[in-house]
């Protein structure tokens, strides 16, 4: 983090915040609470194929929380 410097770290945090809220605006959020860059949203389409598609892009999808929470 020291590579970013004080201003760079602030800029990185602002970008994380903006991008997370941009994505959240297009999802069905399961909790109505403030967040910084992580949030829980409901499933969009077929979960298995979504995870498979993410993996082809070398992205590890989030943890499926269905067994831990009730929506």
PDB file of N, CA and C in Angstrom:
ATOM      1  N   UNK A   1       0.821  -1.179   0.000  1.00  0.00           N
ATOM      2  CA  UNK A   1       0.000   0.000   0.000  1.00  0.00           C
ATOM      3  C   UNK A   1       0.870   1.250   0.000  1.00  0.00           C
ATOM      4  N   UNK A   2       2.079   1.118   0.486  1.00  0.00           N
ATOM      5  CA  UNK A   2       2.943   2.293   0.511  1.00  0.00           C
ATOM      6  C   UNK A   2       3.302   2.750  -0.900  1.00  0.00           C
ATOM      7  N   UNK A   3       3.207   1.854  -1.878  1.00  0.00           N
ATOM      8  CA  UNK A   3       3.496   2.215  -3.269  1.00  0.00           C
ATOM      9  C   UNK A   3       2.492   3.250  -3.774  1.00  0.00           C
ATOM     10  N   UNK A   4       1.248   3.144  -3.333  1.00  0.00           N
ATOM     11  CA  UNK A   4       0.214   4.082  -3.760  1.00  0.00           C
ATOM     12  C   UNK A   4       0.425   5.478  -3.190  1.00  0.00           C
ATOM     13  N   UNK A   5       0.958   5.553  -2.008  1.00  0.00           N
ATOM     14  CA  UNK A   5       1.084   6.843  -1.336  1.00  0.00           C
ATOM     15  C   UNK A   5      -0.252   7.258  -0.752  1.00  0.00           C
ATOM     16  N   UNK A   6      -0.244   8.326   0.000  1.00  0.00           N
ATOM     17  CA  UNK A   6      -1.456   8.770   0.685  1.00  0.00           C
ATOM     18  C   UNK A   6      -2.572   9.110  -0.302  1.00  0.00           C
ATOM     19  N   UNK A   7      -2.264   9.889  -1.330  1.00  0.00           N
ATOM     20  CA  UNK A   7      -3.282  10.291  -2.308  1.00  0.00           C
ATOM     21  C   UNK A   7      -3.734   9.102  -3.160  1.00  0.00           C
ATOM     22  N   UNK A   8      -2.794   8.247  -3.545  1.00  0.00           N
ATOM     23  CA  UNK A   8      -3.132   7.078  -4.351  1.00  0.00           C
ATOM     24  C   UNK A   8      -4.036   6.110  -3.614  1.00  0.00           C
ATOM     25  N   UNK A   9      -3.770   5.930  -2.334  1.00  0.00           N
ATOM     26  CA  UNK A   9      -4.603   5.039  -1.527  1.00  0.00           C
ATOM     27  C   UNK A   9      -6.017   5.598  -1.400  1.00  0.00           C
ATOM     28  N   UNK A  10      -6.114   6.891  -1.220  1.00  0.00           N
ATOM     29  CA  UNK A  10      -7.430   7.526  -1.152  1.00  0.00           C
ATOM     30  C   UNK A  10      -8.175   7.367  -2.484  1.00  0.00           C
ATOM     31  N   UNK A  11      -7.472   7.553  -3.577  1.00  0.00           N
ATOM     32  CA  UNK A  11      -8.080   7.410  -4.902  1.00  0.00           C
ATOM     33  C   UNK A  11      -8.549   5.976  -5.140  1.00  0.00           C
ATOM     34  N   UNK A  12      -7.744   5.013  -4.718  1.00  0.00           N
ATOM     35  CA  UNK A  12      -8.115   3.607  -4.846  1.00  0.00           C
ATOM     36  C   UNK A  12      -9.382   3.307  -4.048  1.00  0.00           C
ATOM     37  N   UNK A  13      -9.466   3.808  -2.827  1.00  0.00           N
ATOM     38  CA  UNK A  13     -10.643   3.602  -1.983  1.00  0.00           C
ATOM     39  C   UNK A  13     -11.882   4.240  -2.610  1.00  0.00           C
ATOM     40  N   UNK A  14     -11.730   5.430  -3.166  1.00  0.00           N
ATOM     41  CA  UNK A  14     -12.866   6.106  -3.806  1.00  0.00           C
ATOM     42  C   UNK A  14     -13.345   5.330  -5.024  1.00  0.00           C
ATOM     43  N   UNK A  15     -12.411   4.772  -5.802  1.00  0.00           N
ATOM     44  CA  UNK A  15     -12.802   3.964  -6.964  1.00  0.00           C
ATOM     45  C   UNK A  15     -13.508   2.681  -6.528  1.00  0.00           C
ATOM     46  N   UNK A  16     -12.997   2.021  -5.480  1.00  0.00           N
ATOM     47  CA  UNK A  16     -13.657   0.816  -4.964  1.00  0.00           C
ATOM     48  C   UNK A  16     -15.086   1.121  -4.537  1.00  0.00           C
ATOM     49  N   UNK A  17     -15.258   2.210  -3.831  1.00  0.00           N
ATOM     50  CA  UNK A  17     -16.580   2.617  -3.361  1.00  0.00           C
ATOM     51  C   UNK A  17     -17.515   2.880  -4.537  1.00  0.00           C
ATOM     52  N   UNK A  18     -17.064   3.661  -5.501  1.00  0.00           N
ATOM     53  CA  UNK A  18     -17.900   4.019  -6.648  1.00  0.00           C
ATOM     54  C   UNK A  18     -18.283   2.789  -7.468  1.00  0.00           C
ATOM     55  N   UNK A  19     -17.335   1.907  -7.716  1.00  0.00           N
ATOM     56  CA  UNK A  19     -17.612   0.724  -8.540  1.00  0.00           C
ATOM     57  C   UNK A  19     -18.535  -0.259  -7.822  1.00  0.00           C
ATOM     58  N   UNK A  20     -18.372  -0.405  -6.520  1.00  0.00           N
ATOM     59  CA  UNK A  20     -19.253  -1.298  -5.760  1.00  0.00           C
ATOM     60  C   UNK A  20     -20.682  -0.761  -5.777  1.00  0.00           C
ATOM     61  N   UNK A  21     -20.851   0.531  -5.593  1.00  0.00           N
ATOM     62  CA  UNK A  21     -22.197   1.104  -5.585  1.00  0.00           C
ATOM     63  C   UNK A  21     -22.817   1.110  -6.980  1.00  0.00           C
ATOM     64  N   UNK A  22     -22.000   1.229  -8.005  1.00  0.00           N
ATOM     65  CA  UNK A  22     -22.493   1.128  -9.381  1.00  0.00           C
ATOM     66  C   UNK A  22     -23.042  -0.274  -9.630  1.00  0.00           C
ATOM     67  N   UNK A  23     -22.294  -1.291  -9.217  1.00  0.00           N
ATOM     68  CA  UNK A  23     -22.757  -2.670  -9.378  1.00  0.00           C
ATOM     69  C   UNK A  23     -23.997  -2.929  -8.533  1.00  0.00           C
ATOM     70  N   UNK A  24     -23.983  -2.476  -7.290  1.00  0.00           N
ATOM     71  CA  UNK A  24     -25.115  -2.712  -6.384  1.00  0.00           C
ATOM     72  C   UNK A  24     -26.407  -2.104  -6.903  1.00  0.00           C
ATOM     73  N   UNK A  25     -26.306  -1.010  -7.644  1.00  0.00           N
ATOM     74  CA  UNK A  25     -27.503  -0.366  -8.196  1.00  0.00           C
ATOM     75  C   UNK A  25     -28.197  -1.264  -9.213  1.00  0.00           C
ATOM     76  N   UNK A  26     -27.480  -2.277  -9.725  1.00  0.00           N
ATOM     77  CA  UNK A  26     -28.045  -3.172 -10.729  1.00  0.00           C
ATOM     78  C   UNK A  26     -28.284  -4.583 -10.180  1.00  0.00           C
ATOM     79  N   UNK A  27     -28.291  -4.723  -8.873  1.00  0.00           N
ATOM     80  CA  UNK A  27     -28.500  -6.025  -8.233  1.00  0.00           C
ATOM     81  C   UNK A  27     -29.661  -5.936  -7.247  1.00  0.00           C
ATOM     82  N   UNK A  28     -30.179  -7.112  -6.904  1.00  0.00           N
ATOM     83  CA  UNK A  28     -31.209  -7.187  -5.870  1.00  0.00           C
ATOM     84  C   UNK A  28     -30.502  -7.434  -4.545  1.00  0.00           C
ATOM     85  N   UNK A  29     -30.319  -6.364  -3.772  1.00  0.00           N
ATOM     86  CA  UNK A  29     -29.604  -6.468  -2.506  1.00  0.00           C
ATOM     87  C   UNK A  29     -30.465  -7.180  -1.469  1.00  0.00           C
ATOM     88  N   UNK A  30     -29.838  -8.055  -0.678  1.00  0.00           N
ATOM     89  CA  UNK A  30     -30.567  -8.798   0.333  1.00  0.00           C
ATOM     90  C   UNK A  30     -30.609  -8.081   1.676  1.00  0.00           C
ATOM     91  N   UNK A  31     -29.750  -7.097   1.862  1.00  0.00           N
ATOM     92  CA  UNK A  31     -29.736  -6.338   3.105  1.00  0.00           C
ATOM     93  C   UNK A  31     -29.753  -4.857   2.780  1.00  0.00           C
ATOM     94  N   UNK A  32     -30.544  -4.116   3.513  1.00  0.00           N
ATOM     95  CA  UNK A  32     -30.611  -2.668   3.339  1.00  0.00           C
ATOM     96  C   UNK A  32     -29.739  -2.018   4.413  1.00  0.00           C
ATOM     97  N   UNK A  33     -28.439  -1.983   4.143  1.00  0.00           N
ATOM     98  CA  UNK A  33     -27.495  -1.439   5.118  1.00  0.00           C
ATOM     99  C   UNK A  33     -26.365  -0.745   4.367  1.00  0.00           C
ATOM    100  N   UNK A  34     -25.741   0.224   4.988  1.00  0.00           N
ATOM    101  CA  UNK A  34     -24.608   0.888   4.340  1.00  0.00           C
ATOM    102  C   UNK A  34     -23.469  -0.112   4.090  1.00  0.00           C
ATOM    103  N   UNK A  35     -22.708   0.110   3.031  1.00  0.00           N
ATOM    104  CA  UNK A  35     -21.559  -0.745   2.748  1.00  0.00           C
ATOM    105  C   UNK A  35     -20.478   0.069   2.051  1.00  0.00           C
ATOM    106  N   UNK A  36     -19.269  -0.461   2.117  1.00  0.00           N
ATOM    107  CA  UNK A  36     -18.143   0.186   1.447  1.00  0.00           C
ATOM    108  C   UNK A  36     -17.896  -0.482   0.107  1.00  0.00           C
ATOM    109  N   UNK A  37     -17.368  -1.711   0.107  1.00  0.00           N
ATOM    110  CA  UNK A  37     -17.116  -2.379  -1.164  1.00  0.00           C
ATOM    111  C   UNK A  37     -17.567  -3.836  -1.218  1.00  0.00           C
ATOM    112  N   UNK A  38     -18.247  -4.291  -0.193  1.00  0.00           N
ATOM    113  CA  UNK A  38     -18.780  -5.650  -0.203  1.00  0.00           C
ATOM    114  C   UNK A  38     -20.246  -5.616   0.177  1.00  0.00           C
ATOM    115  N   UNK A  39     -21.052  -6.411  -0.510  1.00  0.00           N
ATOM    116  CA  UNK A  39     -22.482  -6.452  -0.239  1.00  0.00           C
ATOM    117  C   UNK A  39     -23.023  -7.806  -0.656  1.00  0.00           C
ATOM    118  N   UNK A  40     -24.205  -8.137  -0.160  1.00  0.00           N
ATOM    119  CA  UNK A  40     -24.849  -9.417  -0.466  1.00  0.00           C
ATOM    120  C   UNK A  40     -26.018  -9.143  -1.395  1.00  0.00           C
ATOM    121  N   UNK A  41     -26.054  -9.878  -2.508  1.00  0.00           N
ATOM    122  CA  UNK A  41     -27.161  -9.716  -3.447  1.00  0.00           C
ATOM    123  C   UNK A  41     -27.745 -11.061  -3.809  1.00  0.00           C
ATOM    124  N   UNK A  42     -28.997 -11.027  -4.264  1.00  0.00           N
ATOM    125  CA  UNK A  42     -29.705 -12.242  -4.630  1.00  0.00           C
ATOM    126  C   UNK A  42     -29.201 -12.805  -5.941  1.00  0.00           C
ATOM    127  N   UNK A  43     -29.501 -14.074  -6.192  1.00  0.00           N
ATOM    128  CA  UNK A  43     -29.028 -14.737  -7.409  1.00  0.00           C
ATOM    129  C   UNK A  43     -29.594 -14.092  -8.666  1.00  0.00           C
ATOM    130  N   UNK A  44     -28.783 -14.125  -9.691  1.00  0.00           N
ATOM    131  CA  UNK A  44     -29.181 -13.582 -10.995  1.00  0.00           C
ATOM    132  C   UNK A  44     -28.982 -14.691 -12.024  1.00  0.00           C
ATOM    133  N   UNK A  45     -30.039 -15.375 -12.396  1.00  0.00           N
ATOM    134  CA  UNK A  45     -29.925 -16.448 -13.377  1.00  0.00           C
ATOM    135  C   UNK A  45     -29.444 -17.741 -12.746  1.00  0.00           C
ATOM    136  N   UNK A  46     -28.846 -18.584 -13.566  1.00  0.00           N
ATOM    137  CA  UNK A  46     -28.365 -19.891 -13.144  1.00  0.00           C
ATOM    138  C   UNK A  46     -27.005 -19.743 -12.459  1.00  0.00           C
ATOM    139  N   UNK A  47     -26.970 -20.038 -11.163  1.00  0.00           N
ATOM    140  CA  UNK A  47     -25.733 -19.834 -10.401  1.00  0.00           C
ATOM    141  C   UNK A  47     -24.570 -20.670 -10.915  1.00  0.00           C
ATOM    142  N   UNK A  48     -24.831 -21.932 -11.248  1.00  0.00           N
ATOM    143  CA  UNK A  48     -23.740 -22.795 -11.720  1.00  0.00           C
ATOM    144  C   UNK A  48     -23.113 -22.254 -13.002  1.00  0.00           C
ATOM    145  N   UNK A  49     -23.933 -21.836 -13.947  1.00  0.00           N
ATOM    146  CA  UNK A  49     -23.363 -21.319 -15.193  1.00  0.00           C
ATOM    147  C   UNK A  49     -22.684 -19.970 -14.961  1.00  0.00           C
ATOM    148  N   UNK A  50     -23.216 -19.165 -14.023  1.00  0.00           N
ATOM    149  CA  UNK A  50     -22.564 -17.891 -13.706  1.00  0.00           C
ATOM    150  C   UNK A  50     -21.169 -18.118 -13.151  1.00  0.00           C
ATOM    151  N   UNK A  51     -21.025 -19.075 -12.226  1.00  0.00           N
ATOM    152  CA  UNK A  51     -19.711 -19.364 -11.658  1.00  0.00           C
ATOM    153  C   UNK A  51     -18.772 -19.887 -12.735  1.00  0.00           C
ATOM    154  N   UNK A  52     -19.296 -20.737 -13.604  1.00  0.00           N
ATOM    155  CA  UNK A  52     -18.473 -21.270 -14.692  1.00  0.00           C
ATOM    156  C   UNK A  52     -17.988 -20.170 -15.620  1.00  0.00           C
ATOM    157  N   UNK A  53     -18.870 -19.241 -15.937  1.00  0.00           N
ATOM    158  CA  UNK A  53     -18.490 -18.125 -16.800  1.00  0.00           C
ATOM    159  C   UNK A  53     -17.437 -17.247 -16.130  1.00  0.00           C
ATOM    160  N   UNK A  54     -17.600 -17.001 -14.842  1.00  0.00           N
ATOM    161  CA  UNK A  54     -16.604 -16.208 -14.111  1.00  0.00           C
ATOM    162  C   UNK A  54     -15.244 -16.904 -14.135  1.00  0.00           C
ATOM    163  N   UNK A  55     -15.234 -18.211 -13.918  1.00  0.00           N
ATOM    164  CA  UNK A  55     -13.968 -18.947 -13.900  1.00  0.00           C
ATOM    165  C   UNK A  55     -13.249 -18.872 -15.236  1.00  0.00           C
ATOM    166  N   UNK A  56     -13.990 -18.850 -16.344  1.00  0.00           N
ATOM    167  CA  UNK A  56     -13.334 -18.728 -17.651  1.00  0.00           C
ATOM    168  C   UNK A  56     -12.624 -17.383 -17.791  1.00  0.00           C
ATOM    169  N   UNK A  57     -13.065 -16.409 -16.995  1.00  0.00           N
ATOM    170  CA  UNK A  57     -12.432 -15.082 -17.006  1.00  0.00           C
ATOM    171  C   UNK A  57     -11.447 -14.927 -15.843  1.00  0.00           C
ATOM    172  N   UNK A  58     -11.130 -16.081 -15.204  1.00  0.00           N
ATOM    173  CA  UNK A  58     -10.189 -16.124 -14.072  1.00  0.00           C
ATOM    174  C   UNK A  58     -10.654 -15.260 -12.900  1.00  0.00           C
ATOM    175  N   UNK A  59     -11.977 -15.289 -12.652  1.00  0.00           N
ATOM    176  CA  UNK A  59     -12.568 -14.587 -11.520  1.00  0.00           C
ATOM    177  C   UNK A  59     -13.215 -15.630 -10.620  1.00  0.00           C
ATOM    178  N   UNK A  60     -12.905 -15.578  -9.347  1.00  0.00           N
ATOM    179  CA  UNK A  60     -13.522 -16.497  -8.393  1.00  0.00           C
ATOM    180  C   UNK A  60     -14.765 -15.809  -7.838  1.00  0.00           C
ATOM    181  N   UNK A  61     -15.919 -16.400  -8.074  1.00  0.00           N
ATOM    182  CA  UNK A  61     -17.182 -15.820  -7.617  1.00  0.00           C
ATOM    183  C   UNK A  61     -17.279 -15.828  -6.100  1.00  0.00           C
ATOM    184  N   UNK A  62     -18.156 -15.032  -5.589  1.00  0.00           N
ATOM    185  CA  UNK A  62     -18.363 -14.961  -4.137  1.00  0.00           C
ATOM    186  C   UNK A  62     -18.938 -16.239  -3.569  1.00  0.00           C
ATOM    187  N   UNK A  63     -18.956 -16.320  -2.279  1.00  0.00           N
ATOM    188  CA  UNK A  63     -19.480 -17.478  -1.567  1.00  0.00           C
ATOM    189  C   UNK A  63     -21.001 -17.501  -1.657  1.00  0.00           C
ATOM    190  N   UNK A  64     -21.594 -18.603  -2.143  1.00  0.00           N
ATOM    191  CA  UNK A  64     -23.050 -18.713  -2.143  1.00  0.00           C
ATOM    192  C   UNK A  64     -23.551 -18.775  -0.696  1.00  0.00           C
ATOM    193  N   UNK A  65     -24.341 -17.818  -0.285  1.00  0.00           N
ATOM    194  CA  UNK A  65     -24.757 -17.697   1.111  1.00  0.00           C
ATOM    195  C   UNK A  65     -26.115 -18.319   1.407  1.00  0.00           C
ATOM    196  N   UNK A  66     -26.739 -18.938   0.423  1.00  0.00           N
ATOM    197  CA  UNK A  66     -28.070 -19.484   0.583  1.00  0.00           C
ATOM    198  C   UNK A  66     -28.248 -20.374   1.793  1.00  0.00           C
ATOM    199  N   UNK A  67     -27.241 -21.147   2.118  1.00  0.00           N
ATOM    200  CA  UNK A  67     -27.376 -22.062   3.269  1.00  0.00           C
ATOM    201  C   UNK A  67     -27.195 -21.350   4.596  1.00  0.00           C
ATOM    202  N   UNK A  68     -26.741 -20.102   4.578  1.00  0.00           N
ATOM    203  CA  UNK A  68     -26.511 -19.359   5.813  1.00  0.00           C
ATOM    204  C   UNK A  68     -27.596 -18.331   6.130  1.00  0.00           C
ATOM    205  N   UNK A  69     -28.301 -17.867   5.106  1.00  0.00           N
ATOM    206  CA  UNK A  69     -29.311 -16.824   5.318  1.00  0.00           C
ATOM    207  C   UNK A  69     -30.594 -17.220   4.621  1.00  0.00           C
ATOM    208  N   UNK A  70     -31.672 -16.611   5.043  1.00  0.00           N
ATOM    209  CA  UNK A  70     -32.977 -16.798   4.388  1.00  0.00           C
ATOM    210  C   UNK A  70     -33.385 -15.475   3.815  1.00  0.00           C
ATOM    211  N   UNK A  71     -33.788 -15.478   2.544  1.00  0.00           N
ATOM    212  CA  UNK A  71     -34.205 -14.223   1.908  1.00  0.00           C
ATOM    213  C   UNK A  71     -35.691 -14.078   1.866  1.00  0.00           C
TER     214      UNK A  71
END
